[in-house]
Amino acid sequence: AVATSPIGGEILTDCLIKSLEQKGITIKPRYSFKRKEIRPGEFQTVDLDFPDTTESYKLYCQRAIASDIKECVSRAPDTPYDDSSYSNIPTTSYELPDGQTIEVGADRFKIPDIIFNPSLVQTIPGMESFAETAASLRGLPQMVIESINKCDVDIRRELFSSILLAGGTASMQQLKERLEKDLLEESPQAARVKVLASGNATERRFSVWIGGSILASLGSFQQMWFSKSEYEEHGASYVQRKCP
């Protein structure tokens, strides 16, 4: 009962980078500069040259900073985003590692809403290569409902009341509340929708790995391990006999 989408935290981060670049703001990777204090409380930024640095590493470092911007200032809007409703929204300040302070306005609501309305990618300058794909994608609430509907009808009610958010994007403000609201509007009336998320941002980011480590340490789980030799002898279908 798995539903997947290419829309995730990395796409949102790239949308933020492109949107900032459109406004003339370039995120400098931490390795590309050094800040020197020239007098108390006053700093000077000196650019450093590393000509052999690959573009992939540069993008990785930019994404790390943009991801922090996203988690600090972004917020899932209460209702579907439209430009007219957010044209005069107050900006929020964020200080980049190089000391530059940027102002983030409507983008802090628009970019998170891409999770719910992937077609919004088409409005982000520089994301044209992904725009055609995004137009046909489903939003997160529709994917949750699709996944639950693939399961046995007898357990769907329990699944609707046990939806767990995990991963870095789960740290985005109001994501849990917006998802719960949209699911309440689109799910069957008999469903009691409840979205769960850890109150700790670090636990949200790594909850999948934490849960996996707990599961792997259980003695009962070790009895269900599927070895390489067993796979080679019996094939993938053997897991159905070993873990009924």
C-alpha atoms as a PDB file:
ATOM      1  CA  ALA A   1       0.000   0.000   0.000  1.00  0.00           C
ATOM      2  CA  VAL A   2       2.798   2.379  -0.896  1.00  0.00           C
ATOM      3  CA  ALA A   3       2.251   5.703  -2.666  1.00  0.00           C
ATOM      4  CA  THR A   4       5.279   7.686  -3.800  1.00  0.00           C
ATOM      5  CA  SER A   5       5.975  11.108  -5.255  1.00  0.00           C
ATOM      6  CA  PRO A   6       9.098  12.969  -6.402  1.00  0.00           C
ATOM      7  CA  ILE A   7       7.844  15.981  -4.448  1.00  0.00           C
ATOM      8  CA  GLY A   8       9.770  16.044  -1.186  1.00  0.00           C
ATOM      9  CA  GLY A   9      12.049  18.147   0.930  1.00  0.00           C
ATOM     10  CA  GLU A  10      14.798  18.372  -1.696  1.00  0.00           C
ATOM     11  CA  ILE A  11      12.429  19.732  -4.353  1.00  0.00           C
ATOM     12  CA  LEU A  12      11.109  22.334  -1.902  1.00  0.00           C
ATOM     13  CA  THR A  13      14.683  23.305  -1.037  1.00  0.00           C
ATOM     14  CA  ASP A  14      15.582  23.677  -4.721  1.00  0.00           C
ATOM     15  CA  CYS A  15      12.466  25.804  -5.278  1.00  0.00           C
ATOM     16  CA  LEU A  16      13.590  28.096  -2.459  1.00  0.00           C
ATOM     17  CA  ILE A  17      17.110  28.390  -3.902  1.00  0.00           C
ATOM     18  CA  LYS A  18      15.732  29.268  -7.359  1.00  0.00           C
ATOM     19  CA  SER A  19      13.264  31.758  -5.931  1.00  0.00           C
ATOM     20  CA  LEU A  20      16.007  33.536  -3.965  1.00  0.00           C
ATOM     21  CA  GLU A  21      18.269  33.606  -7.026  1.00  0.00           C
ATOM     22  CA  GLN A  22      15.457  35.256  -8.986  1.00  0.00           C
ATOM     23  CA  LYS A  23      15.540  38.040  -6.383  1.00  0.00           C
ATOM     24  CA  GLY A  24      19.296  38.421  -6.752  1.00  0.00           C
ATOM     25  CA  ILE A  25      20.155  36.489  -3.575  1.00  0.00           C
ATOM     26  CA  THR A  26      22.862  33.842  -3.865  1.00  0.00           C
ATOM     27  CA  ILE A  27      23.462  31.408  -1.031  1.00  0.00           C
ATOM     28  CA  LYS A  28      27.208  31.153  -0.484  1.00  0.00           C
ATOM     29  CA  PRO A  29      28.401  27.721   0.669  1.00  0.00           C
ATOM     30  CA  ARG A  30      30.164  27.844   4.030  1.00  0.00           C
ATOM     31  CA  TYR A  31      33.482  26.738   2.529  1.00  0.00           C
ATOM     32  CA  SER A  32      33.543  29.636   0.031  1.00  0.00           C
ATOM     33  CA  PHE A  33      34.168  32.496   2.459  1.00  0.00           C
ATOM     34  CA  LYS A  34      35.712  33.480   5.767  1.00  0.00           C
ATOM     35  CA  ARG A  35      34.371  36.095   8.164  1.00  0.00           C
ATOM     36  CA  LYS A  36      36.908  38.275   9.960  1.00  0.00           C
ATOM     37  CA  GLU A  37      36.107  40.599  12.841  1.00  0.00           C
ATOM     38  CA  ILE A  38      37.689  43.921  11.885  1.00  0.00           C
ATOM     39  CA  ARG A  39      36.420  45.701  14.985  1.00  0.00           C
ATOM     40  CA  PRO A  40      34.128  44.709  17.874  1.00  0.00           C
ATOM     41  CA  GLY A  41      30.778  43.657  16.447  1.00  0.00           C
ATOM     42  CA  GLU A  42      31.781  44.382  12.833  1.00  0.00           C
ATOM     43  CA  PHE A  43      32.758  41.631  10.425  1.00  0.00           C
ATOM     44  CA  GLN A  44      34.214  41.489   6.960  1.00  0.00           C
ATOM     45  CA  THR A  45      33.516  38.616   4.582  1.00  0.00           C
ATOM     46  CA  VAL A  46      36.431  37.424   2.479  1.00  0.00           C
ATOM     47  CA  ASP A  47      35.728  35.134  -0.468  1.00  0.00           C
ATOM     48  CA  LEU A  48      37.872  32.004  -0.729  1.00  0.00           C
ATOM     49  CA  ASP A  49      38.739  30.286  -3.986  1.00  0.00           C
ATOM     50  CA  PHE A  50      38.520  26.507  -4.304  1.00  0.00           C
ATOM     51  CA  PRO A  51      38.598  25.945  -8.084  1.00  0.00           C
ATOM     52  CA  ASP A  52      38.492  22.151  -7.868  1.00  0.00           C
ATOM     53  CA  THR A  53      35.223  22.061  -5.927  1.00  0.00           C
ATOM     54  CA  THR A  54      32.576  20.130  -7.852  1.00  0.00           C
ATOM     55  CA  GLU A  55      29.180  21.606  -8.674  1.00  0.00           C
ATOM     56  CA  SER A  56      27.497  18.723  -6.861  1.00  0.00           C
ATOM     57  CA  TYR A  57      29.299  19.542  -3.605  1.00  0.00           C
ATOM     58  CA  LYS A  58      28.511  23.237  -4.006  1.00  0.00           C
ATOM     59  CA  LEU A  59      24.819  22.399  -4.468  1.00  0.00           C
ATOM     60  CA  TYR A  60      24.927  20.048  -1.471  1.00  0.00           C
ATOM     61  CA  CYS A  61      26.245  22.877   0.732  1.00  0.00           C
ATOM     62  CA  GLN A  62      23.719  25.364  -0.636  1.00  0.00           C
ATOM     63  CA  ARG A  63      20.894  22.918  -0.010  1.00  0.00           C
ATOM     64  CA  ALA A  64      21.982  22.472   3.612  1.00  0.00           C
ATOM     65  CA  ILE A  65      21.636  26.230   4.210  1.00  0.00           C
ATOM     66  CA  ALA A  66      18.409  26.548   2.197  1.00  0.00           C
ATOM     67  CA  SER A  67      16.935  23.617   4.112  1.00  0.00           C
ATOM     68  CA  ASP A  68      17.558  25.459   7.374  1.00  0.00           C
ATOM     69  CA  ILE A  69      15.911  28.598   5.951  1.00  0.00           C
ATOM     70  CA  LYS A  70      12.933  26.473   4.934  1.00  0.00           C
ATOM     71  CA  GLU A  71      12.549  24.895   8.367  1.00  0.00           C
ATOM     72  CA  CYS A  72      13.043  28.194  10.229  1.00  0.00           C
ATOM     73  CA  VAL A  73      10.779  30.574   8.300  1.00  0.00           C
ATOM     74  CA  SER A  74       8.449  28.439   6.155  1.00  0.00           C
ATOM     75  CA  ARG A  75       4.947  27.551   7.211  1.00  0.00           C
ATOM     76  CA  ALA A  76       2.270  25.497   5.505  1.00  0.00           C
ATOM     77  CA  PRO A  77      -0.648  27.859   4.771  1.00  0.00           C
ATOM     78  CA  ASP A  78      -4.004  27.102   6.377  1.00  0.00           C
ATOM     79  CA  THR A  79      -5.716  27.136   2.974  1.00  0.00           C
ATOM     80  CA  PRO A  80      -4.472  26.571  -0.602  1.00  0.00           C
ATOM     81  CA  TYR A  81      -1.981  29.256  -1.595  1.00  0.00           C
ATOM     82  CA  ASP A  82      -2.856  31.993  -4.070  1.00  0.00           C
ATOM     83  CA  ASP A  83      -0.766  35.058  -4.895  1.00  0.00           C
ATOM     84  CA  SER A  84      -3.489  37.617  -4.201  1.00  0.00           C
ATOM     85  CA  SER A  85      -4.000  36.500  -0.594  1.00  0.00           C
ATOM     86  CA  TYR A  86      -0.292  36.685   0.241  1.00  0.00           C
ATOM     87  CA  SER A  87       0.847  39.667  -1.842  1.00  0.00           C
ATOM     88  CA  ASN A  88       1.116  41.935   1.217  1.00  0.00           C
ATOM     89  CA  ILE A  89       2.221  39.350   3.765  1.00  0.00           C
ATOM     90  CA  PRO A  90       4.913  40.633   6.191  1.00  0.00           C
ATOM     91  CA  THR A  91       8.413  39.350   5.515  1.00  0.00           C
ATOM     92  CA  THR A  92      10.544  37.317   7.907  1.00  0.00           C
ATOM     93  CA  SER A  93      14.271  37.924   8.331  1.00  0.00           C
ATOM     94  CA  TYR A  94      16.955  35.255   8.137  1.00  0.00           C
ATOM     95  CA  GLU A  95      20.705  35.774   8.504  1.00  0.00           C
ATOM     96  CA  LEU A  96      22.816  33.742   6.094  1.00  0.00           C
ATOM     97  CA  PRO A  97      26.156  32.288   7.269  1.00  0.00           C
ATOM     98  CA  ASP A  98      28.035  35.036   5.396  1.00  0.00           C
ATOM     99  CA  GLY A  99      26.269  37.683   7.497  1.00  0.00           C
ATOM    100  CA  GLN A 100      23.827  38.771   4.798  1.00  0.00           C
ATOM    101  CA  THR A 101      20.271  39.236   6.099  1.00  0.00           C
ATOM    102  CA  ILE A 102      17.521  38.280   3.686  1.00  0.00           C
ATOM    103  CA  GLU A 103      13.782  38.895   3.816  1.00  0.00           C
ATOM    104  CA  VAL A 104      11.459  36.036   2.913  1.00  0.00           C
ATOM    105  CA  GLY A 105       7.897  37.012   2.058  1.00  0.00           C
ATOM    106  CA  ALA A 106       5.149  35.041   0.329  1.00  0.00           C
ATOM    107  CA  ASP A 107       7.569  32.257  -0.623  1.00  0.00           C
ATOM    108  CA  ARG A 108       7.583  31.020   2.959  1.00  0.00           C
ATOM    109  CA  PHE A 109       3.939  29.996   2.430  1.00  0.00           C
ATOM    110  CA  LYS A 110       3.994  29.246  -1.289  1.00  0.00           C
ATOM    111  CA  ILE A 111       6.845  26.730  -1.269  1.00  0.00           C
ATOM    112  CA  PRO A 112       5.445  24.549   1.561  1.00  0.00           C
ATOM    113  CA  ASP A 113       2.096  24.435  -0.269  1.00  0.00           C
ATOM    114  CA  ILE A 114       3.789  22.613  -3.155  1.00  0.00           C
ATOM    115  CA  ILE A 115       3.435  19.465  -1.020  1.00  0.00           C
ATOM    116  CA  PHE A 116      -0.330  19.900  -1.204  1.00  0.00           C
ATOM    117  CA  ASN A 117      -0.492  21.365  -4.727  1.00  0.00           C
ATOM    118  CA  PRO A 118       2.485  20.145  -6.812  1.00  0.00           C
ATOM    119  CA  SER A 119       1.434  22.233  -9.830  1.00  0.00           C
ATOM    120  CA  LEU A 120       2.726  25.314  -7.975  1.00  0.00           C
ATOM    121  CA  VAL A 121       6.211  24.232  -9.074  1.00  0.00           C
ATOM    122  CA  GLN A 122       5.304  25.667 -12.479  1.00  0.00           C
ATOM    123  CA  THR A 123       5.322  29.169 -10.973  1.00  0.00           C
ATOM    124  CA  ILE A 124       8.883  28.908  -9.614  1.00  0.00           C
ATOM    125  CA  PRO A 125      11.465  30.428 -12.019  1.00  0.00           C
ATOM    126  CA  GLY A 126      14.198  27.955 -12.896  1.00  0.00           C
ATOM    127  CA  MET A 127      12.112  24.842 -12.146  1.00  0.00           C
ATOM    128  CA  GLU A 128      10.711  24.510 -15.676  1.00  0.00           C
ATOM    129  CA  SER A 129      12.344  21.111 -16.218  1.00  0.00           C
ATOM    130  CA  PHE A 130      10.239  19.666 -13.397  1.00  0.00           C
ATOM    131  CA  ALA A 131       7.067  21.657 -14.099  1.00  0.00           C
ATOM    132  CA  GLU A 132       5.511  19.274 -16.637  1.00  0.00           C
ATOM    133  CA  THR A 133       5.924  16.315 -14.284  1.00  0.00           C
ATOM    134  CA  ALA A 134       4.562  18.262 -11.317  1.00  0.00           C
ATOM    135  CA  ALA A 135       1.329  19.152 -13.111  1.00  0.00           C
ATOM    136  CA  SER A 136       0.187  15.513 -13.053  1.00  0.00           C
ATOM    137  CA  LEU A 137       1.197  14.703  -9.462  1.00  0.00           C
ATOM    138  CA  ARG A 138      -1.124  14.276  -6.502  1.00  0.00           C
ATOM    139  CA  GLY A 139      -0.848  16.239  -3.295  1.00  0.00           C
ATOM    140  CA  LEU A 140       0.068  14.674   0.052  1.00  0.00           C
ATOM    141  CA  PRO A 141      -3.542  14.286   1.332  1.00  0.00           C
ATOM    142  CA  GLN A 142      -4.586  12.442  -1.839  1.00  0.00           C
ATOM    143  CA  MET A 143      -1.576  10.139  -1.539  1.00  0.00           C
ATOM    144  CA  VAL A 144      -2.404   9.318   2.085  1.00  0.00           C
ATOM    145  CA  ILE A 145      -5.992   8.457   1.164  1.00  0.00           C
ATOM    146  CA  GLU A 146      -4.855   6.398  -1.837  1.00  0.00           C
ATOM    147  CA  SER A 147      -2.420   4.434   0.325  1.00  0.00           C
ATOM    148  CA  ILE A 148      -5.042   3.709   2.985  1.00  0.00           C
ATOM    149  CA  ASN A 149      -7.608   2.673   0.361  1.00  0.00           C
ATOM    150  CA  LYS A 150      -5.165   0.056  -0.941  1.00  0.00           C
ATOM    151  CA  CYS A 151      -5.314  -1.677   2.455  1.00  0.00           C
ATOM    152  CA  ASP A 152      -7.897  -4.111   3.768  1.00  0.00           C
ATOM    153  CA  VAL A 153     -11.191  -2.359   4.431  1.00  0.00           C
ATOM    154  CA  ASP A 154     -11.239  -3.692   8.025  1.00  0.00           C
ATOM    155  CA  ILE A 155      -8.147  -1.712   9.071  1.00  0.00           C
ATOM    156  CA  ARG A 156      -8.722   1.553   7.202  1.00  0.00           C
ATOM    157  CA  ARG A 157     -10.390   3.246  10.152  1.00  0.00           C
ATOM    158  CA  GLU A 158      -7.371   2.510  12.378  1.00  0.00           C
ATOM    159  CA  LEU A 159      -4.986   3.755   9.690  1.00  0.00           C
ATOM    160  CA  PHE A 160      -6.822   7.074   9.371  1.00  0.00           C
ATOM    161  CA  SER A 161      -6.343   7.603  13.108  1.00  0.00           C
ATOM    162  CA  SER A 162      -2.642   6.637  13.093  1.00  0.00           C
ATOM    163  CA  ILE A 163      -0.985   8.797  10.415  1.00  0.00           C
ATOM    164  CA  LEU A 164       2.622   9.522  11.399  1.00  0.00           C
ATOM    165  CA  LEU A 165       4.754  12.319   9.938  1.00  0.00           C
ATOM    166  CA  ALA A 166       8.484  11.626   9.679  1.00  0.00           C
ATOM    167  CA  GLY A 167      11.512  13.090   7.921  1.00  0.00           C
ATOM    168  CA  GLY A 168      13.103  16.513   7.695  1.00  0.00           C
ATOM    169  CA  THR A 169      10.138  18.148   5.963  1.00  0.00           C
ATOM    170  CA  ALA A 170       7.917  17.056   8.863  1.00  0.00           C
ATOM    171  CA  SER A 171       9.635  19.809  10.886  1.00  0.00           C
ATOM    172  CA  MET A 172       7.972  22.495   8.779  1.00  0.00           C
ATOM    173  CA  GLN A 173       5.578  24.636  10.791  1.00  0.00           C
ATOM    174  CA  GLN A 174       1.844  23.870  10.505  1.00  0.00           C
ATOM    175  CA  LEU A 175       2.396  20.894   8.188  1.00  0.00           C
ATOM    176  CA  LYS A 176       0.709  18.519  10.620  1.00  0.00           C
ATOM    177  CA  GLU A 177      -2.276  20.816  11.129  1.00  0.00           C
ATOM    178  CA  ARG A 178      -2.780  21.478   7.403  1.00  0.00           C
ATOM    179  CA  LEU A 179      -2.562  17.787   6.510  1.00  0.00           C
ATOM    180  CA  GLU A 180      -5.077  16.896   9.203  1.00  0.00           C
ATOM    181  CA  LYS A 181      -7.448  19.628   7.989  1.00  0.00           C
ATOM    182  CA  ASP A 182      -7.283  18.527   4.351  1.00  0.00           C
ATOM    183  CA  LEU A 183      -7.720  14.863   5.260  1.00  0.00           C
ATOM    184  CA  LEU A 184     -10.796  15.661   7.334  1.00  0.00           C
ATOM    185  CA  GLU A 185     -12.317  17.350   4.281  1.00  0.00           C
ATOM    186  CA  GLU A 186     -11.493  14.546   1.833  1.00  0.00           C
ATOM    187  CA  SER A 187     -11.695  11.332   3.870  1.00  0.00           C
ATOM    188  CA  PRO A 188     -14.877   9.282   4.472  1.00  0.00           C
ATOM    189  CA  GLN A 189     -17.201  10.728   7.100  1.00  0.00           C
ATOM    190  CA  ALA A 190     -16.812   7.671   9.323  1.00  0.00           C
ATOM    191  CA  ALA A 191     -13.036   8.115   9.499  1.00  0.00           C
ATOM    192  CA  ARG A 192     -11.527   9.670  12.617  1.00  0.00           C
ATOM    193  CA  VAL A 193      -8.474  11.402  11.208  1.00  0.00           C
ATOM    194  CA  LYS A 194      -5.501  11.904  13.498  1.00  0.00           C
ATOM    195  CA  VAL A 195      -2.046  12.973  12.332  1.00  0.00           C
ATOM    196  CA  LEU A 196       0.812  12.263  14.746  1.00  0.00           C
ATOM    197  CA  ALA A 197       4.281  13.810  14.892  1.00  0.00           C
ATOM    198  CA  SER A 198       7.001  13.917  17.521  1.00  0.00           C
ATOM    199  CA  GLY A 199       7.262  17.201  19.389  1.00  0.00           C
ATOM    200  CA  ASN A 200      11.036  17.082  18.982  1.00  0.00           C
ATOM    201  CA  ALA A 201      12.349  18.255  15.583  1.00  0.00           C
ATOM    202  CA  THR A 202      15.344  15.899  15.701  1.00  0.00           C
ATOM    203  CA  GLU A 203      13.111  12.921  16.445  1.00  0.00           C
ATOM    204  CA  ARG A 204      10.839  13.873  13.542  1.00  0.00           C
ATOM    205  CA  ARG A 205      13.797  13.982  11.174  1.00  0.00           C
ATOM    206  CA  PHE A 206      15.259  10.638  12.256  1.00  0.00           C
ATOM    207  CA  SER A 207      12.187   8.774  13.547  1.00  0.00           C
ATOM    208  CA  VAL A 208      12.304   6.257  10.682  1.00  0.00           C
ATOM    209  CA  TRP A 209      15.875   5.295  11.584  1.00  0.00           C
ATOM    210  CA  ILE A 210      15.148   5.310  15.313  1.00  0.00           C
ATOM    211  CA  GLY A 211      12.165   3.022  14.764  1.00  0.00           C
ATOM    212  CA  GLY A 212      14.198   0.779  12.476  1.00  0.00           C
ATOM    213  CA  SER A 213      16.964   0.398  15.047  1.00  0.00           C
ATOM    214  CA  ILE A 214      14.447  -0.507  17.752  1.00  0.00           C
ATOM    215  CA  LEU A 215      12.782  -3.066  15.481  1.00  0.00           C
ATOM    216  CA  ALA A 216      16.119  -4.600  14.456  1.00  0.00           C
ATOM    217  CA  SER A 217      17.128  -5.051  18.109  1.00  0.00           C
ATOM    218  CA  LEU A 218      14.049  -7.122  19.000  1.00  0.00           C
ATOM    219  CA  GLY A 219      14.667 -10.834  19.415  1.00  0.00           C
ATOM    220  CA  SER A 220      11.354 -11.651  17.754  1.00  0.00           C
ATOM    221  CA  PHE A 221      12.386  -9.665  14.673  1.00  0.00           C
ATOM    222  CA  GLN A 222      15.734 -11.443  14.402  1.00  0.00           C
ATOM    223  CA  GLN A 223      13.849 -14.715  13.947  1.00  0.00           C
ATOM    224  CA  MET A 224      12.369 -13.258  10.764  1.00  0.00           C
ATOM    225  CA  TRP A 225      15.670 -12.190   9.198  1.00  0.00           C
ATOM    226  CA  PHE A 226      16.050 -13.282   5.601  1.00  0.00           C
ATOM    227  CA  SER A 227      19.651 -14.298   4.780  1.00  0.00           C
ATOM    228  CA  LYS A 228      21.380 -13.965   1.413  1.00  0.00           C
ATOM    229  CA  SER A 229      21.735 -17.736   1.117  1.00  0.00           C
ATOM    230  CA  GLU A 230      18.003 -18.222   1.789  1.00  0.00           C
ATOM    231  CA  TYR A 231      17.168 -15.648  -0.866  1.00  0.00           C
ATOM    232  CA  GLU A 232      19.427 -17.348  -3.404  1.00  0.00           C
ATOM    233  CA  GLU A 233      17.941 -20.765  -2.614  1.00  0.00           C
ATOM    234  CA  HIS A 234      14.224 -19.917  -2.360  1.00  0.00           C
ATOM    235  CA  GLY A 235      13.751 -16.520  -4.014  1.00  0.00           C
ATOM    236  CA  ALA A 236      11.808 -13.481  -2.824  1.00  0.00           C
ATOM    237  CA  SER A 237       8.578 -15.415  -2.239  1.00  0.00           C
ATOM    238  CA  TYR A 238      10.223 -17.222   0.693  1.00  0.00           C
ATOM    239  CA  VAL A 239       9.630 -14.175   2.875  1.00  0.00           C
ATOM    240  CA  GLN A 240       5.896 -14.958   2.794  1.00  0.00           C
ATOM    241  CA  ARG A 241       6.556 -18.361   4.380  1.00  0.00           C
ATOM    242  CA  LYS A 242       9.111 -17.128   6.880  1.00  0.00           C
ATOM    243  CA  CYS A 243       7.117 -14.061   7.970  1.00  0.00           C
ATOM    244  CA  PRO A 244       3.445 -15.033   7.530  1.00  0.00           C
END
